Every structure is written in C-alpha cells, then in structure tokens.
Amino acid sequence: MSRVGKKPVAVPAGVTAKVEGQTVSVKGPKGELKFTVPDDVLVAMDGSSIKVDPRSDSNRSRAMWGMSRSMINNLVVGVTQGYERKLEITGVGYKAAVAGKNLQLSLGYSHDVNYPIPAGIAIATPKPTEVTIAGIDKRQVGQVAAEIRAFRGPEPYKGKGIKYEGEFIFRKEGKKK
C-alpha cells in the first residue's frame, strides 16, 4: 500500500481544480497547470480535495498511484507558492548575467555560453556568482537548473563549476610526488 497515495490532495482556497477523465487541471494565483494521470490510476474530486486510487493490485498500478498523487500535489503547490532552485558558481572569472531573454554564462571557455530562458521560467542573478531559477512547474524548474549546471559541473579537485545551493562536493586530494 502506498502511504503517499492514500492521502488526498487538499485544494486550498483560491485554487480551482477540475478532473476531466484522466486529466487534472489546477488553476491558482500564479497560473494554470495540467497533468494527465496514467490509465492504471483512478482520480476523482472529493469535495475540496482530489482522491487518487489504483485501478488494480498490480505493481505498475501501485507505483503509478503514489507518483500520480505526488504530481497532482506538485501542481497545487506550484500554482499557489511556485518553485525555486538556486545555483552557485565557483571559480575565478566565472559569472552569470541575464541579458534580455538569455542567461549569459562566463565559465572559463573561450566563449560565453548563452542559455535561452524558456517560457514560464524566471531567472535572476542577485550576485554574479548566484543564479535563481523560479517557476510554477517543478519539473521544468529542475530541468532548467540541471541544464545550466551541465555547462560546467563542479569538479572534485578545486571545486570550480556550477553546483546546486547546499550541494556537497566531495573533494579529492591531488597526486603526491
């Protein structure tokens, strides 16, 4: 039994949720999001909450049960609070700046890396060594953060590169002569 799937998703005041077949749409103060629930799961409105149940007792159905409930909860949290991910840039001369609809990264390459900011995402650089990514879709915010981090991931010897805020980089000792 899924402990996550058992709990209904509460819909707070100011948020409207609709279930049409297998599609759940949630509209709130920050925007509107939709999610199509897999066929292995039954989803229904239950007053001011959304209830998710498995259609059968198969392993796939039970796995989709918990995942679907989490995805619906992410929709509700996204349209009410939104999501934010912070990146830290470490390295001499490494910096970031927002230039129009692009994020311009200087990461020690012979050229600057220009990353086009996708629709629905807001990127800010409070300091040249910090990047803040915000949006209402948790998956999209995480994907954008991962793509930016991939331009120059943190290396274990000097710790240079782009890392998530609070991420621990295991440091290696250099070779001894």
N, C-alpha and C. Protein backbone atom coordinates (compact mmCIF):
# COMPACT_ATOMS: atom_id res chain seq x y z
N MET A 1 0.84 -1.19 0.00
CA MET A 1 0.00 0.00 0.00
C MET A 1 0.88 1.25 0.00
N SER A 2 0.48 2.22 -0.79
CA SER A 2 1.24 3.46 -0.89
C SER A 2 0.82 4.41 0.22
N ARG A 3 1.78 4.79 1.04
CA ARG A 3 1.48 5.76 2.08
C ARG A 3 1.26 7.14 1.48
N VAL A 4 1.97 7.43 0.40
CA VAL A 4 1.82 8.71 -0.27
C VAL A 4 0.46 8.76 -0.97
N GLY A 5 0.11 7.71 -1.67
CA GLY A 5 -1.12 7.68 -2.45
C GLY A 5 -2.39 7.72 -1.62
N LYS A 6 -2.33 7.23 -0.39
CA LYS A 6 -3.52 7.19 0.47
C LYS A 6 -4.04 8.57 0.82
N LYS A 7 -3.12 9.54 0.98
CA LYS A 7 -3.52 10.88 1.41
C LYS A 7 -4.16 11.64 0.24
N PRO A 8 -5.35 12.21 0.45
CA PRO A 8 -5.92 13.03 -0.62
C PRO A 8 -5.17 14.36 -0.73
N VAL A 9 -5.18 14.95 -1.91
CA VAL A 9 -4.52 16.23 -2.15
C VAL A 9 -5.52 17.33 -1.82
N ALA A 10 -5.22 18.12 -0.81
CA ALA A 10 -6.10 19.22 -0.40
C ALA A 10 -5.98 20.37 -1.39
N VAL A 11 -7.11 20.92 -1.79
CA VAL A 11 -7.15 22.07 -2.69
C VAL A 11 -7.46 23.30 -1.85
N PRO A 12 -6.49 24.21 -1.64
CA PRO A 12 -6.72 25.38 -0.78
C PRO A 12 -7.67 26.39 -1.39
N ALA A 13 -8.11 27.33 -0.57
CA ALA A 13 -8.99 28.40 -1.05
C ALA A 13 -8.24 29.25 -2.07
N GLY A 14 -8.94 29.67 -3.10
CA GLY A 14 -8.31 30.48 -4.14
C GLY A 14 -7.76 29.64 -5.28
N VAL A 15 -7.88 28.33 -5.17
CA VAL A 15 -7.40 27.42 -6.21
C VAL A 15 -8.58 26.60 -6.70
N THR A 16 -8.72 26.52 -8.02
CA THR A 16 -9.79 25.69 -8.59
C THR A 16 -9.16 24.50 -9.29
N ALA A 17 -9.72 23.33 -9.01
CA ALA A 17 -9.22 22.09 -9.62
C ALA A 17 -10.36 21.41 -10.36
N LYS A 18 -10.05 20.86 -11.54
CA LYS A 18 -11.04 20.13 -12.32
C LYS A 18 -10.45 18.79 -12.72
N VAL A 19 -11.28 17.76 -12.66
CA VAL A 19 -10.89 16.44 -13.12
C VAL A 19 -11.81 16.09 -14.28
N GLU A 20 -11.23 15.94 -15.48
CA GLU A 20 -11.99 15.58 -16.67
C GLU A 20 -11.37 14.32 -17.24
N GLY A 21 -11.98 13.19 -16.96
CA GLY A 21 -11.42 11.91 -17.39
C GLY A 21 -10.14 11.63 -16.62
N GLN A 22 -9.04 11.54 -17.33
CA GLN A 22 -7.73 11.28 -16.69
C GLN A 22 -6.89 12.55 -16.58
N THR A 23 -7.45 13.71 -16.96
CA THR A 23 -6.71 14.96 -16.93
C THR A 23 -7.13 15.79 -15.71
N VAL A 24 -6.12 16.21 -14.96
CA VAL A 24 -6.35 17.07 -13.79
C VAL A 24 -5.78 18.44 -14.14
N SER A 25 -6.63 19.49 -14.04
CA SER A 25 -6.16 20.85 -14.28
C SER A 25 -6.38 21.66 -13.01
N VAL A 26 -5.36 22.42 -12.64
CA VAL A 26 -5.38 23.22 -11.42
C VAL A 26 -5.06 24.66 -11.80
N LYS A 27 -5.90 25.58 -11.33
CA LYS A 27 -5.71 27.00 -11.64
C LYS A 27 -5.63 27.76 -10.32
N GLY A 28 -4.60 28.59 -10.19
CA GLY A 28 -4.40 29.35 -8.96
C GLY A 28 -3.89 30.74 -9.25
N PRO A 29 -3.44 31.45 -8.21
CA PRO A 29 -2.98 32.83 -8.40
C PRO A 29 -1.74 32.96 -9.28
N LYS A 30 -0.91 31.95 -9.37
CA LYS A 30 0.32 32.05 -10.17
C LYS A 30 0.17 31.53 -11.59
N GLY A 31 -0.92 30.81 -11.89
CA GLY A 31 -1.11 30.29 -13.23
C GLY A 31 -1.92 29.02 -13.25
N GLU A 32 -1.84 28.30 -14.37
CA GLU A 32 -2.61 27.07 -14.55
C GLU A 32 -1.69 25.95 -15.02
N LEU A 33 -1.88 24.76 -14.45
CA LEU A 33 -1.11 23.57 -14.82
C LEU A 33 -2.03 22.39 -15.05
N LYS A 34 -1.60 21.47 -15.92
CA LYS A 34 -2.38 20.26 -16.20
C LYS A 34 -1.48 19.04 -16.09
N PHE A 35 -2.09 17.92 -15.73
CA PHE A 35 -1.38 16.65 -15.67
C PHE A 35 -2.33 15.55 -16.09
N THR A 36 -1.87 14.68 -16.99
CA THR A 36 -2.67 13.53 -17.41
C THR A 36 -2.23 12.32 -16.60
N VAL A 37 -3.16 11.79 -15.82
CA VAL A 37 -2.90 10.66 -14.94
C VAL A 37 -2.86 9.38 -15.77
N PRO A 38 -1.93 8.45 -15.50
CA PRO A 38 -1.89 7.19 -16.24
C PRO A 38 -3.19 6.40 -16.08
N ASP A 39 -3.48 5.52 -17.04
CA ASP A 39 -4.72 4.74 -17.02
C ASP A 39 -4.78 3.75 -15.86
N ASP A 40 -3.65 3.44 -15.25
CA ASP A 40 -3.62 2.49 -14.13
C ASP A 40 -4.21 3.09 -12.85
N VAL A 41 -4.51 4.38 -12.86
CA VAL A 41 -4.94 5.08 -11.65
C VAL A 41 -6.29 5.75 -11.89
N LEU A 42 -7.14 5.72 -10.88
CA LEU A 42 -8.44 6.38 -10.92
C LEU A 42 -8.35 7.66 -10.10
N VAL A 43 -8.75 8.78 -10.67
CA VAL A 43 -8.66 10.07 -9.98
C VAL A 43 -10.06 10.70 -9.95
N ALA A 44 -10.41 11.29 -8.78
CA ALA A 44 -11.74 11.88 -8.64
C ALA A 44 -11.69 13.04 -7.65
N MET A 45 -12.61 14.00 -7.83
CA MET A 45 -12.76 15.09 -6.87
C MET A 45 -13.60 14.58 -5.71
N ASP A 46 -13.17 14.93 -4.50
CA ASP A 46 -13.88 14.53 -3.29
C ASP A 46 -14.05 15.77 -2.42
N GLY A 47 -15.07 16.57 -2.74
CA GLY A 47 -15.27 17.83 -2.02
C GLY A 47 -14.19 18.83 -2.40
N SER A 48 -13.39 19.27 -1.42
CA SER A 48 -12.31 20.22 -1.69
C SER A 48 -10.96 19.52 -1.72
N SER A 49 -10.96 18.27 -2.17
CA SER A 49 -9.70 17.53 -2.29
C SER A 49 -9.77 16.60 -3.50
N ILE A 50 -8.61 16.14 -3.91
CA ILE A 50 -8.52 15.22 -5.05
C ILE A 50 -8.05 13.88 -4.52
N LYS A 51 -8.80 12.83 -4.82
CA LYS A 51 -8.50 11.49 -4.33
C LYS A 51 -7.95 10.65 -5.47
N VAL A 52 -6.90 9.90 -5.19
CA VAL A 52 -6.26 9.04 -6.19
C VAL A 52 -6.30 7.61 -5.68
N ASP A 53 -6.72 6.67 -6.53
CA ASP A 53 -6.80 5.25 -6.16
C ASP A 53 -6.29 4.40 -7.31
N PRO A 54 -5.66 3.25 -7.00
CA PRO A 54 -5.22 2.34 -8.07
C PRO A 54 -6.41 1.59 -8.65
N ARG A 55 -6.35 1.26 -9.94
CA ARG A 55 -7.45 0.52 -10.57
C ARG A 55 -7.34 -0.98 -10.29
N SER A 56 -6.11 -1.48 -10.11
CA SER A 56 -5.91 -2.90 -9.82
C SER A 56 -4.84 -3.05 -8.75
N ASP A 57 -4.46 -4.29 -8.48
CA ASP A 57 -3.46 -4.55 -7.44
C ASP A 57 -2.08 -4.87 -8.05
N SER A 58 -1.88 -4.51 -9.32
CA SER A 58 -0.60 -4.81 -9.97
C SER A 58 0.50 -3.87 -9.46
N ASN A 59 1.74 -4.28 -9.65
CA ASN A 59 2.88 -3.46 -9.22
C ASN A 59 2.89 -2.12 -9.93
N ARG A 60 2.63 -2.12 -11.23
CA ARG A 60 2.64 -0.87 -12.01
C ARG A 60 1.55 0.07 -11.51
N SER A 61 0.37 -0.46 -11.26
CA SER A 61 -0.74 0.35 -10.79
C SER A 61 -0.44 1.00 -9.45
N ARG A 62 0.19 0.24 -8.55
CA ARG A 62 0.53 0.79 -7.24
C ARG A 62 1.65 1.82 -7.35
N ALA A 63 2.60 1.60 -8.27
CA ALA A 63 3.68 2.58 -8.47
C ALA A 63 3.13 3.89 -9.04
N MET A 64 2.22 3.79 -10.00
CA MET A 64 1.62 4.98 -10.61
C MET A 64 0.70 5.71 -9.63
N TRP A 65 0.17 5.00 -8.65
CA TRP A 65 -0.72 5.58 -7.64
C TRP A 65 0.01 6.66 -6.84
N GLY A 66 1.14 6.31 -6.25
CA GLY A 66 1.91 7.27 -5.45
C GLY A 66 2.48 8.39 -6.30
N MET A 67 2.96 8.03 -7.49
CA MET A 67 3.54 9.03 -8.38
C MET A 67 2.49 10.04 -8.83
N SER A 68 1.30 9.57 -9.16
CA SER A 68 0.23 10.45 -9.62
C SER A 68 -0.20 11.41 -8.52
N ARG A 69 -0.30 10.91 -7.30
CA ARG A 69 -0.67 11.76 -6.18
C ARG A 69 0.38 12.85 -5.96
N SER A 70 1.66 12.49 -6.07
CA SER A 70 2.75 13.46 -5.91
C SER A 70 2.71 14.52 -7.02
N MET A 71 2.45 14.08 -8.23
CA MET A 71 2.39 15.02 -9.36
C MET A 71 1.23 16.01 -9.20
N ILE A 72 0.08 15.52 -8.74
CA ILE A 72 -1.07 16.40 -8.52
C ILE A 72 -0.76 17.38 -7.40
N ASN A 73 -0.11 16.90 -6.33
CA ASN A 73 0.27 17.79 -5.24
C ASN A 73 1.26 18.86 -5.73
N ASN A 74 2.18 18.48 -6.62
CA ASN A 74 3.13 19.45 -7.20
C ASN A 74 2.40 20.54 -7.99
N LEU A 75 1.29 20.17 -8.66
CA LEU A 75 0.50 21.16 -9.40
C LEU A 75 -0.09 22.18 -8.42
N VAL A 76 -0.66 21.68 -7.33
CA VAL A 76 -1.31 22.57 -6.35
C VAL A 76 -0.28 23.50 -5.71
N VAL A 77 0.86 22.96 -5.31
CA VAL A 77 1.91 23.78 -4.70
C VAL A 77 2.46 24.78 -5.71
N GLY A 78 2.61 24.37 -6.95
CA GLY A 78 3.15 25.25 -8.00
C GLY A 78 2.28 26.46 -8.26
N VAL A 79 0.95 26.27 -8.34
CA VAL A 79 0.09 27.41 -8.65
C VAL A 79 -0.17 28.29 -7.43
N THR A 80 0.16 27.82 -6.22
CA THR A 80 -0.01 28.66 -5.03
C THR A 80 1.30 29.32 -4.61
N GLN A 81 2.39 28.54 -4.47
CA GLN A 81 3.66 29.07 -3.98
C GLN A 81 4.71 29.20 -5.07
N GLY A 82 4.73 28.28 -6.01
CA GLY A 82 5.76 28.25 -7.03
C GLY A 82 6.99 27.51 -6.53
N TYR A 83 7.94 27.28 -7.40
CA TYR A 83 9.17 26.57 -7.06
C TYR A 83 10.37 27.43 -7.40
N GLU A 84 11.45 27.21 -6.65
CA GLU A 84 12.67 27.97 -6.85
C GLU A 84 13.87 27.06 -6.66
N ARG A 85 14.87 27.24 -7.50
CA ARG A 85 16.11 26.48 -7.40
C ARG A 85 17.25 27.47 -7.51
N LYS A 86 18.26 27.34 -6.66
CA LYS A 86 19.40 28.26 -6.69
C LYS A 86 20.66 27.50 -7.07
N LEU A 87 21.47 28.15 -7.89
CA LEU A 87 22.75 27.59 -8.31
C LEU A 87 23.86 28.52 -7.84
N GLU A 88 24.99 27.94 -7.45
CA GLU A 88 26.16 28.72 -7.04
C GLU A 88 27.27 28.48 -8.05
N ILE A 89 27.94 29.55 -8.44
CA ILE A 89 29.04 29.46 -9.41
C ILE A 89 30.34 29.73 -8.67
N THR A 90 31.28 28.81 -8.77
CA THR A 90 32.57 28.93 -8.09
C THR A 90 33.69 28.85 -9.13
N GLY A 91 34.62 29.78 -9.07
CA GLY A 91 35.76 29.76 -9.98
C GLY A 91 36.18 31.17 -10.32
N VAL A 92 37.47 31.36 -10.54
CA VAL A 92 37.99 32.68 -10.87
C VAL A 92 37.48 33.09 -12.25
N GLY A 93 36.79 34.22 -12.31
CA GLY A 93 36.27 34.72 -13.58
C GLY A 93 34.95 34.09 -13.99
N TYR A 94 34.43 33.13 -13.24
CA TYR A 94 33.16 32.50 -13.57
C TYR A 94 32.04 33.42 -13.07
N LYS A 95 31.09 33.73 -13.95
CA LYS A 95 29.99 34.60 -13.56
C LYS A 95 28.80 34.39 -14.47
N ALA A 96 27.66 34.93 -14.05
CA ALA A 96 26.43 34.83 -14.82
C ALA A 96 25.73 36.18 -14.82
N ALA A 97 25.00 36.45 -15.90
CA ALA A 97 24.22 37.68 -16.00
C ALA A 97 23.05 37.42 -16.94
N VAL A 98 21.93 38.06 -16.64
CA VAL A 98 20.76 37.96 -17.52
C VAL A 98 20.84 39.10 -18.53
N ALA A 99 20.84 38.73 -19.81
CA ALA A 99 20.91 39.72 -20.89
C ALA A 99 19.69 39.50 -21.80
N GLY A 100 18.64 40.28 -21.57
CA GLY A 100 17.42 40.13 -22.36
C GLY A 100 16.73 38.82 -22.03
N LYS A 101 16.54 37.97 -23.05
CA LYS A 101 15.89 36.67 -22.85
C LYS A 101 16.90 35.54 -22.79
N ASN A 102 18.16 35.88 -22.49
CA ASN A 102 19.22 34.88 -22.39
C ASN A 102 19.93 34.99 -21.06
N LEU A 103 20.45 33.87 -20.60
CA LEU A 103 21.34 33.85 -19.45
C LEU A 103 22.74 33.71 -20.02
N GLN A 104 23.59 34.69 -19.73
CA GLN A 104 24.95 34.70 -20.26
C GLN A 104 25.89 34.20 -19.18
N LEU A 105 26.60 33.10 -19.46
CA LEU A 105 27.50 32.47 -18.50
C LEU A 105 28.93 32.55 -18.98
N SER A 106 29.83 33.06 -18.13
CA SER A 106 31.26 33.04 -18.39
C SER A 106 31.84 31.94 -17.50
N LEU A 107 32.25 30.83 -18.13
CA LEU A 107 32.65 29.65 -17.36
C LEU A 107 34.05 29.16 -17.69
N GLY A 108 34.91 30.06 -18.15
CA GLY A 108 36.28 29.67 -18.43
C GLY A 108 36.50 29.10 -19.82
N TYR A 109 35.47 29.08 -20.64
CA TYR A 109 35.63 28.64 -22.02
C TYR A 109 36.13 29.82 -22.86
N SER A 110 36.48 29.57 -24.11
CA SER A 110 36.95 30.63 -24.99
C SER A 110 35.82 31.56 -25.41
N HIS A 111 34.59 31.16 -25.11
CA HIS A 111 33.42 31.95 -25.47
C HIS A 111 32.42 31.92 -24.31
N ASP A 112 31.53 32.90 -24.26
CA ASP A 112 30.46 32.89 -23.26
C ASP A 112 29.37 31.91 -23.71
N VAL A 113 28.72 31.29 -22.75
CA VAL A 113 27.62 30.38 -23.04
C VAL A 113 26.32 31.17 -22.89
N ASN A 114 25.51 31.19 -23.95
CA ASN A 114 24.22 31.86 -23.90
C ASN A 114 23.13 30.81 -23.80
N TYR A 115 22.35 30.86 -22.71
CA TYR A 115 21.26 29.92 -22.49
C TYR A 115 19.94 30.67 -22.65
N PRO A 116 19.12 30.30 -23.66
CA PRO A 116 17.83 30.99 -23.83
C PRO A 116 16.87 30.60 -22.68
N ILE A 117 16.28 31.59 -22.05
CA ILE A 117 15.38 31.35 -20.93
C ILE A 117 14.04 30.86 -21.48
N PRO A 118 13.59 29.66 -21.07
CA PRO A 118 12.32 29.12 -21.59
C PRO A 118 11.11 29.90 -21.06
N ALA A 119 9.99 29.77 -21.76
CA ALA A 119 8.75 30.40 -21.33
C ALA A 119 8.29 29.76 -20.02
N GLY A 120 7.79 30.57 -19.12
CA GLY A 120 7.31 30.05 -17.84
C GLY A 120 8.37 29.99 -16.76
N ILE A 121 9.59 30.39 -17.09
CA ILE A 121 10.70 30.36 -16.14
C ILE A 121 11.24 31.77 -15.97
N ALA A 122 11.52 32.15 -14.72
CA ALA A 122 12.14 33.44 -14.44
C ALA A 122 13.52 33.17 -13.85
N ILE A 123 14.54 33.76 -14.45
CA ILE A 123 15.91 33.59 -13.98
C ILE A 123 16.43 34.95 -13.53
N ALA A 124 17.02 34.97 -12.33
CA ALA A 124 17.59 36.20 -11.79
C ALA A 124 19.01 35.91 -11.32
N THR A 125 19.85 36.93 -11.35
CA THR A 125 21.22 36.81 -10.84
C THR A 125 21.43 37.89 -9.80
N PRO A 126 21.09 37.61 -8.51
CA PRO A 126 21.28 38.62 -7.48
C PRO A 126 22.75 39.00 -7.30
N LYS A 127 23.64 38.05 -7.48
CA LYS A 127 25.08 38.27 -7.49
C LYS A 127 25.61 37.63 -8.77
N PRO A 128 26.78 38.04 -9.25
CA PRO A 128 27.32 37.39 -10.44
C PRO A 128 27.63 35.90 -10.24
N THR A 129 27.73 35.46 -9.00
CA THR A 129 28.04 34.05 -8.73
C THR A 129 26.83 33.26 -8.25
N GLU A 130 25.63 33.82 -8.37
CA GLU A 130 24.40 33.14 -7.99
C GLU A 130 23.38 33.23 -9.10
N VAL A 131 22.66 32.13 -9.33
CA VAL A 131 21.58 32.10 -10.31
C VAL A 131 20.35 31.56 -9.60
N THR A 132 19.23 32.28 -9.68
CA THR A 132 17.98 31.84 -9.09
C THR A 132 17.00 31.53 -10.21
N ILE A 133 16.47 30.32 -10.20
CA ILE A 133 15.53 29.87 -11.21
C ILE A 133 14.18 29.68 -10.53
N ALA A 134 13.13 30.33 -11.04
CA ALA A 134 11.80 30.24 -10.42
C ALA A 134 10.75 29.97 -11.48
N GLY A 135 9.69 29.27 -11.07
CA GLY A 135 8.58 28.97 -11.96
C GLY A 135 7.51 28.20 -11.21
N ILE A 136 6.41 27.86 -11.92
CA ILE A 136 5.33 27.14 -11.25
C ILE A 136 5.38 25.64 -11.51
N ASP A 137 6.12 25.20 -12.52
CA ASP A 137 6.22 23.78 -12.85
C ASP A 137 7.51 23.22 -12.26
N LYS A 138 7.38 22.33 -11.28
CA LYS A 138 8.53 21.78 -10.57
C LYS A 138 9.48 21.05 -11.52
N ARG A 139 8.91 20.28 -12.44
CA ARG A 139 9.72 19.52 -13.38
C ARG A 139 10.54 20.44 -14.27
N GLN A 140 9.90 21.52 -14.76
CA GLN A 140 10.59 22.44 -15.66
C GLN A 140 11.68 23.22 -14.93
N VAL A 141 11.42 23.64 -13.69
CA VAL A 141 12.43 24.37 -12.91
C VAL A 141 13.64 23.48 -12.68
N GLY A 142 13.41 22.22 -12.32
CA GLY A 142 14.51 21.28 -12.10
C GLY A 142 15.28 20.98 -13.37
N GLN A 143 14.57 20.87 -14.50
CA GLN A 143 15.22 20.59 -15.77
C GLN A 143 16.11 21.74 -16.21
N VAL A 144 15.63 22.97 -16.06
CA VAL A 144 16.42 24.15 -16.43
C VAL A 144 17.66 24.24 -15.55
N ALA A 145 17.49 23.99 -14.24
CA ALA A 145 18.64 24.02 -13.32
C ALA A 145 19.67 22.97 -13.71
N ALA A 146 19.21 21.78 -14.08
CA ALA A 146 20.13 20.70 -14.48
C ALA A 146 20.86 21.04 -15.78
N GLU A 147 20.15 21.67 -16.73
CA GLU A 147 20.79 22.04 -18.00
C GLU A 147 21.86 23.10 -17.78
N ILE A 148 21.58 24.09 -16.92
CA ILE A 148 22.57 25.13 -16.65
C ILE A 148 23.77 24.53 -15.91
N ARG A 149 23.52 23.65 -14.95
CA ARG A 149 24.60 23.02 -14.20
C ARG A 149 25.49 22.17 -15.12
N ALA A 150 24.90 21.59 -16.15
CA ALA A 150 25.64 20.70 -17.05
C ALA A 150 26.67 21.45 -17.91
N PHE A 151 26.55 22.78 -18.04
CA PHE A 151 27.54 23.52 -18.83
C PHE A 151 28.93 23.43 -18.20
N ARG A 152 29.00 23.41 -16.87
CA ARG A 152 30.29 23.25 -16.18
C ARG A 152 29.98 22.71 -14.79
N GLY A 153 29.84 21.39 -14.69
CA GLY A 153 29.57 20.75 -13.41
C GLY A 153 30.75 20.93 -12.46
N PRO A 154 30.52 20.82 -11.17
CA PRO A 154 31.61 21.02 -10.21
C PRO A 154 32.64 19.91 -10.31
N GLU A 155 33.90 20.29 -10.28
CA GLU A 155 34.97 19.29 -10.35
C GLU A 155 35.52 19.05 -8.95
N PRO A 156 36.01 17.85 -8.67
CA PRO A 156 36.36 17.47 -7.29
C PRO A 156 37.70 17.98 -6.77
N TYR A 157 38.56 18.56 -7.60
CA TYR A 157 39.89 18.95 -7.13
C TYR A 157 39.92 20.37 -6.59
N LYS A 158 39.40 21.33 -7.35
CA LYS A 158 39.39 22.71 -6.89
C LYS A 158 37.98 23.18 -6.51
N GLY A 159 36.96 22.39 -6.88
CA GLY A 159 35.58 22.76 -6.57
C GLY A 159 35.00 23.77 -7.53
N LYS A 160 35.67 24.02 -8.68
CA LYS A 160 35.19 25.00 -9.65
C LYS A 160 34.00 24.44 -10.42
N GLY A 161 33.09 25.32 -10.78
CA GLY A 161 31.95 24.92 -11.59
C GLY A 161 30.65 25.44 -11.03
N ILE A 162 29.55 24.88 -11.53
CA ILE A 162 28.21 25.27 -11.10
C ILE A 162 27.64 24.14 -10.26
N LYS A 163 27.14 24.49 -9.06
CA LYS A 163 26.53 23.47 -8.20
C LYS A 163 25.23 24.02 -7.63
N TYR A 164 24.38 23.09 -7.18
CA TYR A 164 23.14 23.49 -6.52
C TYR A 164 23.46 24.08 -5.16
N GLU A 165 22.62 24.97 -4.68
CA GLU A 165 22.80 25.56 -3.36
C GLU A 165 22.70 24.44 -2.31
N GLY A 166 23.69 24.36 -1.44
CA GLY A 166 23.70 23.36 -0.39
C GLY A 166 24.24 22.01 -0.81
N GLU A 167 24.61 21.84 -2.08
CA GLU A 167 25.15 20.57 -2.57
C GLU A 167 26.56 20.39 -2.04
N PHE A 168 26.86 19.18 -1.57
CA PHE A 168 28.19 18.88 -1.07
C PHE A 168 29.00 18.27 -2.20
N ILE A 169 30.16 18.83 -2.45
CA ILE A 169 31.07 18.31 -3.47
C ILE A 169 32.20 17.59 -2.75
N PHE A 170 32.29 16.29 -2.97
CA PHE A 170 33.35 15.52 -2.34
C PHE A 170 34.67 15.93 -2.99
N ARG A 171 35.57 16.46 -2.19
CA ARG A 171 36.84 16.97 -2.70
C ARG A 171 37.89 15.88 -2.67
N LYS A 172 38.69 15.80 -3.74
CA LYS A 172 39.75 14.82 -3.83
C LYS A 172 41.09 15.50 -3.56
N GLU A 173 42.01 14.74 -3.06
CA GLU A 173 43.37 15.24 -2.83
C GLU A 173 44.16 15.03 -4.11
N GLY A 174 45.03 15.97 -4.44
CA GLY A 174 45.85 15.85 -5.63
C GLY A 174 46.92 14.78 -5.46
N LYS A 175 47.59 14.45 -6.57
CA LYS A 175 48.63 13.43 -6.52
C LYS A 175 49.83 13.93 -5.74
N LYS A 176 50.43 13.03 -5.02
CA LYS A 176 51.63 13.38 -4.26
C LYS A 176 52.85 12.98 -5.06
N LYS A 177 53.90 13.77 -4.95
CA LYS A 177 55.13 13.45 -5.67
C LYS A 177 56.11 12.76 -4.78
